[in-house]
């Protein structure tokens, strides 16, 4: 087998074994749903502090969901999976912008978080051999957040998080359907590592 074919096989195998990593966007949907609910009652700066602190709970929540749904994320060994850490580090580089916005333009924190926390999605998509699906999530999210920020200035802390949560849930649905369809069509790739 040539290297390109073997790499694609490895990426698809990881995608199937981890079921597209759906527990991570599911955790994101829960985080953003909570922020939407809190956006209706909290003042801006309090909402921002909750958003900053709460973002640290997404990864542990995703790991808990992975355990519940039996997605063996932490023990997965894959050469292509090694790109995930640099992708997450790249995503984290937006945080100084969010923190600076907190001090000088707090109204920009919600869109900064909503867009910045999607920066790693195209790389994650490449890792799973699904660049289009995961990139679509990031692009739709960025465009929707920008539109909501401009069109509904009085409802930003509710509509932006609610929109991100809905996009996450739609993405989870697309991932799960695609994983099932891909598993049916794959030869030589096992959906579950035992």
N, C-alpha and C. Protein backbone atom coordinates (compact mmCIF):
# COMPACT_ATOMS: atom_id res chain seq x y z
N UNK A 1 0.84 -1.19 0.00
CA UNK A 1 0.00 0.00 0.00
C UNK A 1 0.88 1.25 0.00
N UNK A 2 0.46 2.27 -0.72
CA UNK A 2 1.22 3.50 -0.72
C UNK A 2 0.89 4.30 0.55
N UNK A 3 1.75 5.24 0.88
CA UNK A 3 1.64 6.00 2.12
C UNK A 3 0.32 6.76 2.21
N UNK A 4 -0.14 7.38 1.12
CA UNK A 4 -1.37 8.15 1.14
C UNK A 4 -2.57 7.25 1.46
N UNK A 5 -2.63 6.09 0.85
CA UNK A 5 -3.72 5.16 1.11
C UNK A 5 -3.67 4.65 2.54
N UNK A 6 -2.48 4.34 3.02
CA UNK A 6 -2.33 3.85 4.39
C UNK A 6 -2.72 4.93 5.39
N UNK A 7 -2.35 6.17 5.11
CA UNK A 7 -2.70 7.29 6.00
C UNK A 7 -4.23 7.48 6.03
N UNK A 8 -4.86 7.40 4.88
CA UNK A 8 -6.32 7.52 4.84
C UNK A 8 -6.97 6.38 5.62
N UNK A 9 -6.45 5.18 5.47
CA UNK A 9 -6.99 4.03 6.21
C UNK A 9 -6.84 4.26 7.71
N UNK A 10 -5.72 4.77 8.14
CA UNK A 10 -5.47 5.06 9.56
C UNK A 10 -6.44 6.13 10.07
N UNK A 11 -6.62 7.19 9.29
CA UNK A 11 -7.52 8.27 9.70
C UNK A 11 -8.97 7.78 9.80
N UNK A 12 -9.41 7.03 8.82
CA UNK A 12 -10.77 6.49 8.85
C UNK A 12 -10.96 5.50 10.00
N UNK A 13 -9.93 4.71 10.27
CA UNK A 13 -9.99 3.78 11.39
C UNK A 13 -10.15 4.51 12.71
N UNK A 14 -9.41 5.60 12.88
CA UNK A 14 -9.52 6.41 14.10
C UNK A 14 -10.91 7.02 14.20
N UNK A 15 -11.41 7.52 13.10
CA UNK A 15 -12.75 8.11 13.05
C UNK A 15 -13.80 7.11 13.52
N UNK A 16 -13.71 5.89 13.02
CA UNK A 16 -14.69 4.88 13.38
C UNK A 16 -14.52 4.40 14.82
N UNK A 17 -13.29 4.16 15.23
CA UNK A 17 -13.06 3.67 16.59
C UNK A 17 -13.52 4.67 17.64
N UNK A 18 -13.32 5.97 17.36
CA UNK A 18 -13.71 7.02 18.32
C UNK A 18 -15.08 7.59 18.01
N UNK A 19 -15.75 7.01 17.04
CA UNK A 19 -17.08 7.48 16.60
C UNK A 19 -17.07 8.99 16.35
N UNK A 20 -16.03 9.42 15.67
CA UNK A 20 -15.93 10.82 15.27
C UNK A 20 -15.68 11.76 16.43
N UNK A 21 -15.33 11.20 17.60
CA UNK A 21 -15.10 12.06 18.76
C UNK A 21 -16.35 12.81 19.19
N UNK A 22 -17.52 12.23 18.92
CA UNK A 22 -18.78 12.96 19.13
C UNK A 22 -18.99 13.42 20.57
N UNK A 23 -18.33 12.79 21.52
CA UNK A 23 -18.54 13.20 22.92
C UNK A 23 -17.98 14.59 23.20
N UNK A 24 -17.01 15.04 22.41
CA UNK A 24 -16.46 16.38 22.62
C UNK A 24 -17.43 17.46 22.15
N UNK A 25 -18.00 17.36 20.95
CA UNK A 25 -19.02 18.36 20.62
C UNK A 25 -20.27 18.24 21.48
N UNK A 26 -20.56 17.05 21.97
CA UNK A 26 -21.70 16.91 22.88
C UNK A 26 -21.43 17.68 24.18
N UNK A 27 -20.21 17.57 24.69
CA UNK A 27 -19.83 18.35 25.88
C UNK A 27 -19.88 19.85 25.57
N UNK A 28 -19.44 20.23 24.38
CA UNK A 28 -19.52 21.64 23.98
C UNK A 28 -20.94 22.13 23.93
N UNK A 29 -21.85 21.29 23.45
CA UNK A 29 -23.26 21.67 23.39
C UNK A 29 -23.81 21.91 24.79
N UNK A 30 -23.41 21.08 25.73
CA UNK A 30 -23.88 21.26 27.11
C UNK A 30 -23.33 22.56 27.71
N UNK A 31 -22.06 22.83 27.47
CA UNK A 31 -21.42 24.07 27.96
C UNK A 31 -22.14 25.31 27.39
N UNK A 32 -22.33 25.32 26.07
CA UNK A 32 -22.95 26.49 25.42
C UNK A 32 -24.43 26.61 25.78
N UNK A 33 -25.11 25.50 26.00
CA UNK A 33 -26.51 25.56 26.46
C UNK A 33 -26.60 26.22 27.82
N UNK A 34 -25.69 25.84 28.71
CA UNK A 34 -25.67 26.46 30.05
C UNK A 34 -25.40 27.96 29.94
N UNK A 35 -24.48 28.34 29.05
CA UNK A 35 -24.20 29.77 28.87
C UNK A 35 -25.40 30.52 28.31
N UNK A 36 -26.17 29.87 27.44
CA UNK A 36 -27.38 30.51 26.90
C UNK A 36 -28.39 30.76 28.01
N UNK A 37 -28.58 29.78 28.87
CA UNK A 37 -29.52 29.94 29.98
C UNK A 37 -29.03 31.05 30.92
N UNK A 38 -27.75 31.04 31.24
CA UNK A 38 -27.19 32.05 32.14
C UNK A 38 -27.18 33.44 31.50
N UNK A 39 -27.10 33.49 30.18
CA UNK A 39 -27.08 34.77 29.48
C UNK A 39 -28.36 35.57 29.66
N UNK A 40 -29.44 34.90 30.00
CA UNK A 40 -30.72 35.59 30.21
C UNK A 40 -30.76 36.34 31.52
N UNK A 41 -29.90 35.98 32.48
CA UNK A 41 -30.01 36.59 33.81
C UNK A 41 -28.73 37.21 34.35
N UNK A 42 -27.58 36.77 33.89
CA UNK A 42 -26.32 37.30 34.44
C UNK A 42 -25.89 38.59 33.76
N UNK A 43 -25.31 39.50 34.53
CA UNK A 43 -24.70 40.66 33.89
C UNK A 43 -23.49 40.23 33.05
N UNK A 44 -23.14 41.03 32.08
CA UNK A 44 -22.10 40.69 31.11
C UNK A 44 -20.81 40.20 31.76
N UNK A 45 -20.24 40.97 32.67
CA UNK A 45 -18.93 40.58 33.22
C UNK A 45 -19.02 39.30 34.05
N UNK A 46 -20.13 39.08 34.73
CA UNK A 46 -20.29 37.83 35.48
C UNK A 46 -20.42 36.66 34.50
N UNK A 47 -21.19 36.86 33.43
CA UNK A 47 -21.32 35.83 32.40
C UNK A 47 -19.95 35.46 31.83
N UNK A 48 -19.13 36.46 31.58
CA UNK A 48 -17.80 36.22 31.01
C UNK A 48 -16.96 35.38 31.96
N UNK A 49 -16.97 35.71 33.24
CA UNK A 49 -16.18 34.95 34.21
C UNK A 49 -16.67 33.51 34.26
N UNK A 50 -17.98 33.31 34.27
CA UNK A 50 -18.54 31.95 34.25
C UNK A 50 -18.12 31.24 32.97
N UNK A 51 -18.16 31.94 31.84
CA UNK A 51 -17.77 31.35 30.56
C UNK A 51 -16.31 30.94 30.57
N UNK A 52 -15.44 31.80 31.10
CA UNK A 52 -14.01 31.48 31.17
C UNK A 52 -13.78 30.25 32.04
N UNK A 53 -14.34 30.25 33.23
CA UNK A 53 -14.13 29.14 34.16
C UNK A 53 -14.78 27.87 33.62
N UNK A 54 -16.00 28.00 33.13
CA UNK A 54 -16.72 26.84 32.62
C UNK A 54 -16.06 26.17 31.43
N UNK A 55 -15.31 26.93 30.65
CA UNK A 55 -14.66 26.33 29.48
C UNK A 55 -13.65 25.26 29.90
N UNK A 56 -13.12 25.39 31.10
CA UNK A 56 -12.19 24.38 31.60
C UNK A 56 -12.86 23.06 31.94
N UNK A 57 -14.19 23.06 31.97
CA UNK A 57 -14.93 21.84 32.30
C UNK A 57 -15.30 21.02 31.06
N UNK A 58 -15.11 21.60 29.87
CA UNK A 58 -15.51 20.90 28.64
C UNK A 58 -14.74 19.59 28.47
N UNK A 59 -13.43 19.64 28.63
CA UNK A 59 -12.62 18.43 28.41
C UNK A 59 -12.96 17.34 29.43
N UNK A 60 -13.00 17.64 30.74
CA UNK A 60 -13.39 16.57 31.67
C UNK A 60 -14.80 16.04 31.41
N UNK A 61 -15.73 16.92 31.03
CA UNK A 61 -17.07 16.48 30.71
C UNK A 61 -17.06 15.56 29.49
N UNK A 62 -16.27 15.90 28.49
CA UNK A 62 -16.15 15.06 27.30
C UNK A 62 -15.57 13.69 27.66
N UNK A 63 -14.61 13.66 28.56
CA UNK A 63 -14.04 12.38 29.00
C UNK A 63 -15.09 11.55 29.75
N UNK A 64 -15.89 12.21 30.58
CA UNK A 64 -16.96 11.51 31.28
C UNK A 64 -17.98 10.95 30.28
N UNK A 65 -18.36 11.76 29.31
CA UNK A 65 -19.29 11.29 28.27
C UNK A 65 -18.69 10.15 27.46
N UNK A 66 -17.38 10.22 27.21
CA UNK A 66 -16.69 9.14 26.50
C UNK A 66 -16.79 7.84 27.28
N UNK A 67 -16.65 7.94 28.58
CA UNK A 67 -16.77 6.74 29.43
C UNK A 67 -18.21 6.20 29.38
N UNK A 68 -19.17 7.10 29.51
CA UNK A 68 -20.59 6.70 29.49
C UNK A 68 -20.95 6.03 28.16
N UNK A 69 -20.49 6.61 27.05
CA UNK A 69 -20.82 6.08 25.73
C UNK A 69 -19.81 5.04 25.23
N UNK A 70 -18.86 4.69 26.08
CA UNK A 70 -17.86 3.66 25.76
C UNK A 70 -17.02 3.99 24.52
N UNK A 71 -16.59 5.23 24.49
CA UNK A 71 -15.66 5.67 23.45
C UNK A 71 -14.30 5.71 24.13
N UNK A 72 -13.42 4.83 23.70
CA UNK A 72 -12.15 4.62 24.38
C UNK A 72 -11.12 5.67 23.96
N UNK A 73 -11.43 6.92 24.23
CA UNK A 73 -10.62 8.04 23.73
C UNK A 73 -9.21 8.07 24.32
N UNK A 74 -9.08 7.95 25.62
CA UNK A 74 -7.79 8.14 26.27
C UNK A 74 -6.79 7.03 26.00
N UNK A 75 -7.25 5.84 25.69
CA UNK A 75 -6.30 4.76 25.45
C UNK A 75 -6.03 4.54 23.96
N UNK A 76 -6.60 5.37 23.13
CA UNK A 76 -6.41 5.24 21.69
C UNK A 76 -4.99 5.62 21.30
N UNK A 77 -4.34 4.74 20.60
CA UNK A 77 -2.98 4.99 20.11
C UNK A 77 -3.02 5.05 18.59
N UNK A 78 -2.72 6.22 18.04
CA UNK A 78 -2.74 6.39 16.60
C UNK A 78 -1.73 7.45 16.21
N UNK A 79 -1.02 7.18 15.14
CA UNK A 79 -0.03 8.16 14.67
C UNK A 79 -0.70 9.46 14.26
N UNK A 80 -1.87 9.39 13.63
CA UNK A 80 -2.55 10.61 13.21
C UNK A 80 -3.20 11.32 14.40
N UNK A 81 -3.53 10.58 15.45
CA UNK A 81 -4.11 11.18 16.64
C UNK A 81 -3.16 12.12 17.35
N UNK A 82 -1.87 11.96 17.08
CA UNK A 82 -0.87 12.83 17.72
C UNK A 82 -1.01 14.29 17.30
N UNK A 83 -1.71 14.55 16.22
CA UNK A 83 -1.88 15.94 15.77
C UNK A 83 -2.92 16.69 16.61
N UNK A 84 -3.71 15.96 17.39
CA UNK A 84 -4.76 16.60 18.18
C UNK A 84 -4.20 17.60 19.19
N UNK A 85 -3.14 17.24 19.90
CA UNK A 85 -2.59 18.16 20.89
C UNK A 85 -2.14 19.47 20.26
N UNK A 86 -1.35 19.46 19.17
CA UNK A 86 -1.01 20.74 18.55
C UNK A 86 -2.23 21.51 18.06
N UNK A 87 -3.27 20.81 17.61
CA UNK A 87 -4.50 21.49 17.17
C UNK A 87 -5.15 22.21 18.35
N UNK A 88 -5.21 21.56 19.50
CA UNK A 88 -5.80 22.19 20.68
C UNK A 88 -4.93 23.34 21.18
N UNK A 89 -3.62 23.18 21.10
CA UNK A 89 -2.73 24.28 21.50
C UNK A 89 -2.95 25.47 20.57
N UNK A 90 -3.09 25.21 19.27
CA UNK A 90 -3.38 26.29 18.32
C UNK A 90 -4.68 26.99 18.65
N UNK A 91 -5.69 26.22 19.05
CA UNK A 91 -6.98 26.82 19.42
C UNK A 91 -6.82 27.69 20.66
N UNK A 92 -6.01 27.25 21.59
CA UNK A 92 -5.86 28.00 22.84
C UNK A 92 -5.17 29.36 22.66
N UNK A 93 -4.54 29.57 21.52
CA UNK A 93 -3.85 30.84 21.30
C UNK A 93 -4.81 32.02 21.16
N UNK A 94 -6.13 31.76 21.00
CA UNK A 94 -7.07 32.86 20.94
C UNK A 94 -7.36 33.43 22.33
N UNK A 95 -7.04 32.72 23.39
CA UNK A 95 -7.39 33.15 24.75
C UNK A 95 -6.85 34.52 25.13
N UNK A 96 -5.63 34.89 24.76
CA UNK A 96 -5.20 36.26 25.09
C UNK A 96 -6.13 37.32 24.49
N UNK A 97 -6.68 37.06 23.30
CA UNK A 97 -7.61 38.01 22.70
C UNK A 97 -8.87 38.10 23.56
N UNK A 98 -9.39 36.96 23.99
CA UNK A 98 -10.59 36.95 24.83
C UNK A 98 -10.34 37.69 26.15
N UNK A 99 -9.18 37.47 26.75
CA UNK A 99 -8.86 38.13 28.02
C UNK A 99 -8.68 39.62 27.83
N UNK A 100 -8.01 40.02 26.75
CA UNK A 100 -7.86 41.45 26.47
C UNK A 100 -9.22 42.09 26.21
N UNK A 101 -10.09 41.38 25.51
CA UNK A 101 -11.44 41.90 25.26
C UNK A 101 -12.19 42.10 26.57
N UNK A 102 -11.99 41.20 27.51
CA UNK A 102 -12.65 41.33 28.81
C UNK A 102 -12.32 42.67 29.45
N UNK A 103 -11.09 43.12 29.30
CA UNK A 103 -10.66 44.37 29.93
C UNK A 103 -11.01 45.60 29.11
N UNK A 104 -11.04 45.48 27.79
CA UNK A 104 -11.23 46.69 26.99
C UNK A 104 -12.53 46.73 26.18
N UNK A 105 -13.09 45.59 25.81
CA UNK A 105 -14.33 45.55 25.03
C UNK A 105 -15.10 44.28 25.40
N UNK A 106 -15.66 44.22 26.61
CA UNK A 106 -16.28 42.98 27.10
C UNK A 106 -17.37 42.42 26.20
N UNK A 107 -18.05 43.28 25.45
CA UNK A 107 -19.10 42.78 24.57
C UNK A 107 -18.56 41.87 23.47
N UNK A 108 -17.25 41.95 23.21
CA UNK A 108 -16.64 41.11 22.18
C UNK A 108 -16.22 39.72 22.69
N UNK A 109 -16.34 39.48 23.99
CA UNK A 109 -15.90 38.20 24.53
C UNK A 109 -16.76 37.05 24.01
N UNK A 110 -18.07 37.21 23.99
CA UNK A 110 -18.94 36.11 23.54
C UNK A 110 -18.61 35.66 22.12
N UNK A 111 -18.52 36.56 21.14
CA UNK A 111 -18.16 36.08 19.80
C UNK A 111 -16.72 35.58 19.72
N UNK A 112 -15.83 36.17 20.52
CA UNK A 112 -14.45 35.70 20.52
C UNK A 112 -14.37 34.26 21.01
N UNK A 113 -15.07 33.95 22.09
CA UNK A 113 -15.11 32.58 22.58
C UNK A 113 -15.79 31.65 21.58
N UNK A 114 -16.93 32.08 21.06
CA UNK A 114 -17.71 31.23 20.17
C UNK A 114 -16.94 30.89 18.89
N UNK A 115 -16.21 31.84 18.36
CA UNK A 115 -15.43 31.60 17.14
C UNK A 115 -14.08 30.99 17.47
N UNK A 116 -13.41 31.53 18.48
CA UNK A 116 -12.07 31.05 18.84
C UNK A 116 -12.02 29.60 19.26
N UNK A 117 -13.07 29.16 19.94
CA UNK A 117 -13.09 27.77 20.41
C UNK A 117 -13.42 26.78 19.29
N UNK A 118 -13.55 27.27 18.07
CA UNK A 118 -13.77 26.39 16.90
C UNK A 118 -12.56 26.35 15.98
N UNK A 119 -11.49 27.03 16.35
CA UNK A 119 -10.33 27.13 15.46
C UNK A 119 -9.68 25.79 15.14
N UNK A 120 -9.79 24.82 16.02
CA UNK A 120 -9.13 23.53 15.83
C UNK A 120 -9.98 22.54 15.02
N UNK A 121 -11.22 22.87 14.75
CA UNK A 121 -12.11 21.92 14.09
C UNK A 121 -11.63 21.43 12.73
N UNK A 122 -11.10 22.28 11.84
CA UNK A 122 -10.62 21.75 10.56
C UNK A 122 -9.49 20.72 10.73
N UNK A 123 -8.60 20.93 11.69
CA UNK A 123 -7.51 19.97 11.92
C UNK A 123 -8.06 18.67 12.48
N UNK A 124 -9.00 18.77 13.41
CA UNK A 124 -9.64 17.57 13.95
C UNK A 124 -10.32 16.82 12.81
N UNK A 125 -10.98 17.54 11.92
CA UNK A 125 -11.62 16.91 10.78
C UNK A 125 -10.63 16.19 9.88
N UNK A 126 -9.47 16.79 9.66
CA UNK A 126 -8.45 16.12 8.85
C UNK A 126 -8.03 14.83 9.54
N UNK A 127 -7.85 14.88 10.85
CA UNK A 127 -7.42 13.71 11.60
C UNK A 127 -8.38 12.54 11.40
N UNK A 128 -9.66 12.85 11.29
CA UNK A 128 -10.68 11.82 11.12
C UNK A 128 -11.03 11.56 9.66
N UNK A 129 -10.30 12.15 8.74
CA UNK A 129 -10.58 12.02 7.30
C UNK A 129 -11.96 12.59 6.96
N UNK A 130 -12.34 13.63 7.68
CA UNK A 130 -13.63 14.29 7.48
C UNK A 130 -13.45 15.80 7.55
N UNK A 131 -12.47 16.32 6.83
CA UNK A 131 -12.16 17.74 6.87
C UNK A 131 -13.37 18.59 6.53
N UNK A 132 -14.13 18.21 5.53
CA UNK A 132 -15.29 19.00 5.10
C UNK A 132 -16.33 19.13 6.19
N UNK A 133 -16.70 18.04 6.82
CA UNK A 133 -17.72 18.05 7.87
C UNK A 133 -17.31 18.92 9.05
N UNK A 134 -16.09 18.75 9.52
CA UNK A 134 -15.63 19.48 10.70
C UNK A 134 -15.33 20.94 10.35
N UNK A 135 -14.85 21.20 9.15
CA UNK A 135 -14.63 22.58 8.72
C UNK A 135 -15.96 23.30 8.55
N UNK A 136 -16.96 22.59 8.05
CA UNK A 136 -18.30 23.20 7.91
C UNK A 136 -18.81 23.66 9.28
N UNK A 137 -18.58 22.85 10.31
CA UNK A 137 -18.99 23.25 11.66
C UNK A 137 -18.37 24.60 12.02
N UNK A 138 -17.05 24.72 11.83
CA UNK A 138 -16.34 25.95 12.20
C UNK A 138 -16.81 27.14 11.37
N UNK A 139 -17.01 26.94 10.08
CA UNK A 139 -17.42 28.05 9.20
C UNK A 139 -18.84 28.50 9.51
N UNK A 140 -19.76 27.55 9.62
CA UNK A 140 -21.16 27.90 9.94
C UNK A 140 -21.21 28.61 11.28
N UNK A 141 -20.47 28.11 12.22
CA UNK A 141 -20.44 28.70 13.56
C UNK A 141 -19.93 30.14 13.51
N UNK A 142 -18.83 30.37 12.81
CA UNK A 142 -18.27 31.72 12.73
C UNK A 142 -19.24 32.69 12.05
N UNK A 143 -19.84 32.25 10.95
CA UNK A 143 -20.77 33.12 10.22
C UNK A 143 -22.04 33.40 11.04
N UNK A 144 -22.57 32.36 11.68
CA UNK A 144 -23.78 32.53 12.48
C UNK A 144 -23.53 33.45 13.67
N UNK A 145 -22.41 33.26 14.34
CA UNK A 145 -22.08 34.10 15.50
C UNK A 145 -21.92 35.55 15.07
N UNK A 146 -21.20 35.79 13.97
CA UNK A 146 -21.02 37.16 13.50
C UNK A 146 -22.36 37.79 13.15
N UNK A 147 -23.23 37.05 12.49
CA UNK A 147 -24.55 37.59 12.12
C UNK A 147 -25.38 37.90 13.36
N UNK A 148 -25.41 36.99 14.31
CA UNK A 148 -26.19 37.23 15.53
C UNK A 148 -25.66 38.42 16.31
N UNK A 149 -24.34 38.56 16.36
CA UNK A 149 -23.73 39.66 17.10
C UNK A 149 -24.16 41.00 16.49
N UNK A 150 -24.22 41.07 15.17
CA UNK A 150 -24.60 42.31 14.49
C UNK A 150 -26.11 42.55 14.55
N UNK A 151 -26.90 41.51 14.32
CA UNK A 151 -28.35 41.67 14.16
C UNK A 151 -29.14 41.76 15.48
N UNK A 152 -28.63 41.17 16.53
CA UNK A 152 -29.38 41.12 17.79
C UNK A 152 -28.52 41.57 18.97
N UNK A 153 -28.13 42.84 18.99
CA UNK A 153 -27.21 43.30 20.04
C UNK A 153 -27.75 43.14 21.46
N UNK A 154 -29.05 43.19 21.65
CA UNK A 154 -29.60 43.08 23.00
C UNK A 154 -29.76 41.64 23.48
N UNK A 155 -29.60 40.68 22.58
CA UNK A 155 -29.79 39.27 22.94
C UNK A 155 -28.53 38.43 22.73
N UNK A 156 -27.39 39.07 22.64
CA UNK A 156 -26.15 38.36 22.31
C UNK A 156 -25.80 37.24 23.29
N UNK A 157 -25.99 37.48 24.58
CA UNK A 157 -25.56 36.48 25.56
C UNK A 157 -26.49 35.28 25.63
N UNK A 158 -27.63 35.37 24.99
CA UNK A 158 -28.54 34.23 24.90
C UNK A 158 -28.44 33.59 23.52
N UNK A 159 -28.55 34.40 22.47
CA UNK A 159 -28.62 33.85 21.11
C UNK A 159 -27.31 33.25 20.62
N UNK A 160 -26.19 33.89 20.93
CA UNK A 160 -24.90 33.35 20.46
C UNK A 160 -24.64 31.98 21.09
N UNK A 161 -24.71 31.85 22.42
CA UNK A 161 -24.49 30.51 22.98
C UNK A 161 -25.53 29.48 22.53
N UNK A 162 -26.79 29.90 22.43
CA UNK A 162 -27.83 28.96 21.99
C UNK A 162 -27.55 28.48 20.56
N UNK A 163 -27.16 29.40 19.71
CA UNK A 163 -26.83 29.04 18.33
C UNK A 163 -25.65 28.07 18.27
N UNK A 164 -24.61 28.34 19.04
CA UNK A 164 -23.45 27.45 19.06
C UNK A 164 -23.86 26.07 19.57
N UNK A 165 -24.70 26.02 20.60
CA UNK A 165 -25.17 24.73 21.12
C UNK A 165 -25.94 23.96 20.04
N UNK A 166 -26.80 24.64 19.30
CA UNK A 166 -27.57 23.99 18.24
C UNK A 166 -26.64 23.49 17.14
N UNK A 167 -25.65 24.28 16.78
CA UNK A 167 -24.69 23.86 15.75
C UNK A 167 -23.92 22.63 16.23
N UNK A 168 -23.55 22.63 17.50
CA UNK A 168 -22.89 21.44 18.07
C UNK A 168 -23.79 20.22 17.97
N UNK A 169 -25.05 20.35 18.37
CA UNK A 169 -25.95 19.20 18.35
C UNK A 169 -26.18 18.70 16.92
N UNK A 170 -26.30 19.62 15.98
CA UNK A 170 -26.44 19.22 14.57
C UNK A 170 -25.19 18.49 14.11
N UNK A 171 -24.03 18.98 14.53
CA UNK A 171 -22.77 18.33 14.15
C UNK A 171 -22.68 16.93 14.74
N UNK A 172 -23.09 16.78 16.00
CA UNK A 172 -23.10 15.45 16.62
C UNK A 172 -23.98 14.51 15.80
N UNK A 173 -25.16 14.97 15.41
CA UNK A 173 -26.05 14.14 14.61
C UNK A 173 -25.40 13.75 13.28
N UNK A 174 -24.80 14.72 12.60
CA UNK A 174 -24.13 14.43 11.32
C UNK A 174 -22.99 13.44 11.53
N UNK A 175 -22.21 13.62 12.58
CA UNK A 175 -21.09 12.71 12.85
C UNK A 175 -21.60 11.29 13.07
N UNK A 176 -22.61 11.14 13.92
CA UNK A 176 -23.10 9.80 14.23
C UNK A 176 -23.69 9.10 13.01
N UNK A 177 -24.41 9.84 12.18
CA UNK A 177 -24.95 9.27 10.95
C UNK A 177 -23.81 8.89 10.02
N UNK A 178 -22.82 9.77 9.87
CA UNK A 178 -21.70 9.50 8.98
C UNK A 178 -20.86 8.33 9.46
N UNK A 179 -20.65 8.24 10.77
CA UNK A 179 -19.89 7.11 11.32
C UNK A 179 -20.60 5.80 10.97
N UNK A 180 -21.90 5.77 11.17
CA UNK A 180 -22.67 4.55 10.87
C UNK A 180 -22.57 4.20 9.39
N UNK A 181 -22.75 5.19 8.53
CA UNK A 181 -22.69 4.94 7.09
C UNK A 181 -21.28 4.52 6.66
N UNK A 182 -20.28 5.17 7.23
CA UNK A 182 -18.89 4.84 6.90
C UNK A 182 -18.54 3.44 7.37
N UNK A 183 -18.98 3.08 8.56
CA UNK A 183 -18.71 1.74 9.09
C UNK A 183 -19.32 0.66 8.21
N UNK A 184 -20.50 0.92 7.67
CA UNK A 184 -21.15 -0.06 6.78
C UNK A 184 -20.39 -0.23 5.48
N UNK A 185 -19.76 0.86 5.02
CA UNK A 185 -19.08 0.81 3.73
C UNK A 185 -17.61 0.49 3.79
N UNK A 186 -17.04 0.41 4.98
CA UNK A 186 -15.59 0.18 5.11
C UNK A 186 -15.25 -1.29 5.07
N UNK A 187 -14.18 -1.58 4.38
CA UNK A 187 -13.63 -2.92 4.36
C UNK A 187 -12.27 -2.86 5.03
N UNK A 188 -12.04 -3.73 6.00
CA UNK A 188 -10.74 -3.79 6.66
C UNK A 188 -10.53 -2.79 7.76
N UNK A 189 -11.55 -2.01 8.11
CA UNK A 189 -11.44 -1.07 9.22
C UNK A 189 -12.50 -1.45 10.24
N UNK A 190 -12.09 -1.66 11.45
CA UNK A 190 -13.02 -2.09 12.49
C UNK A 190 -13.57 -0.87 13.23
N UNK A 191 -14.91 -0.79 13.42
CA UNK A 191 -15.49 0.36 14.10
C UNK A 191 -15.13 0.44 15.57
N UNK A 192 -14.85 -0.66 16.21
CA UNK A 192 -14.53 -0.64 17.64
C UNK A 192 -13.21 -1.37 17.86
N UNK A 193 -12.30 -0.74 18.58
CA UNK A 193 -11.06 -1.40 18.96
C UNK A 193 -11.36 -2.20 20.24
N UNK A 194 -11.08 -3.45 20.25
CA UNK A 194 -11.38 -4.29 21.42
C UNK A 194 -10.10 -4.72 22.10
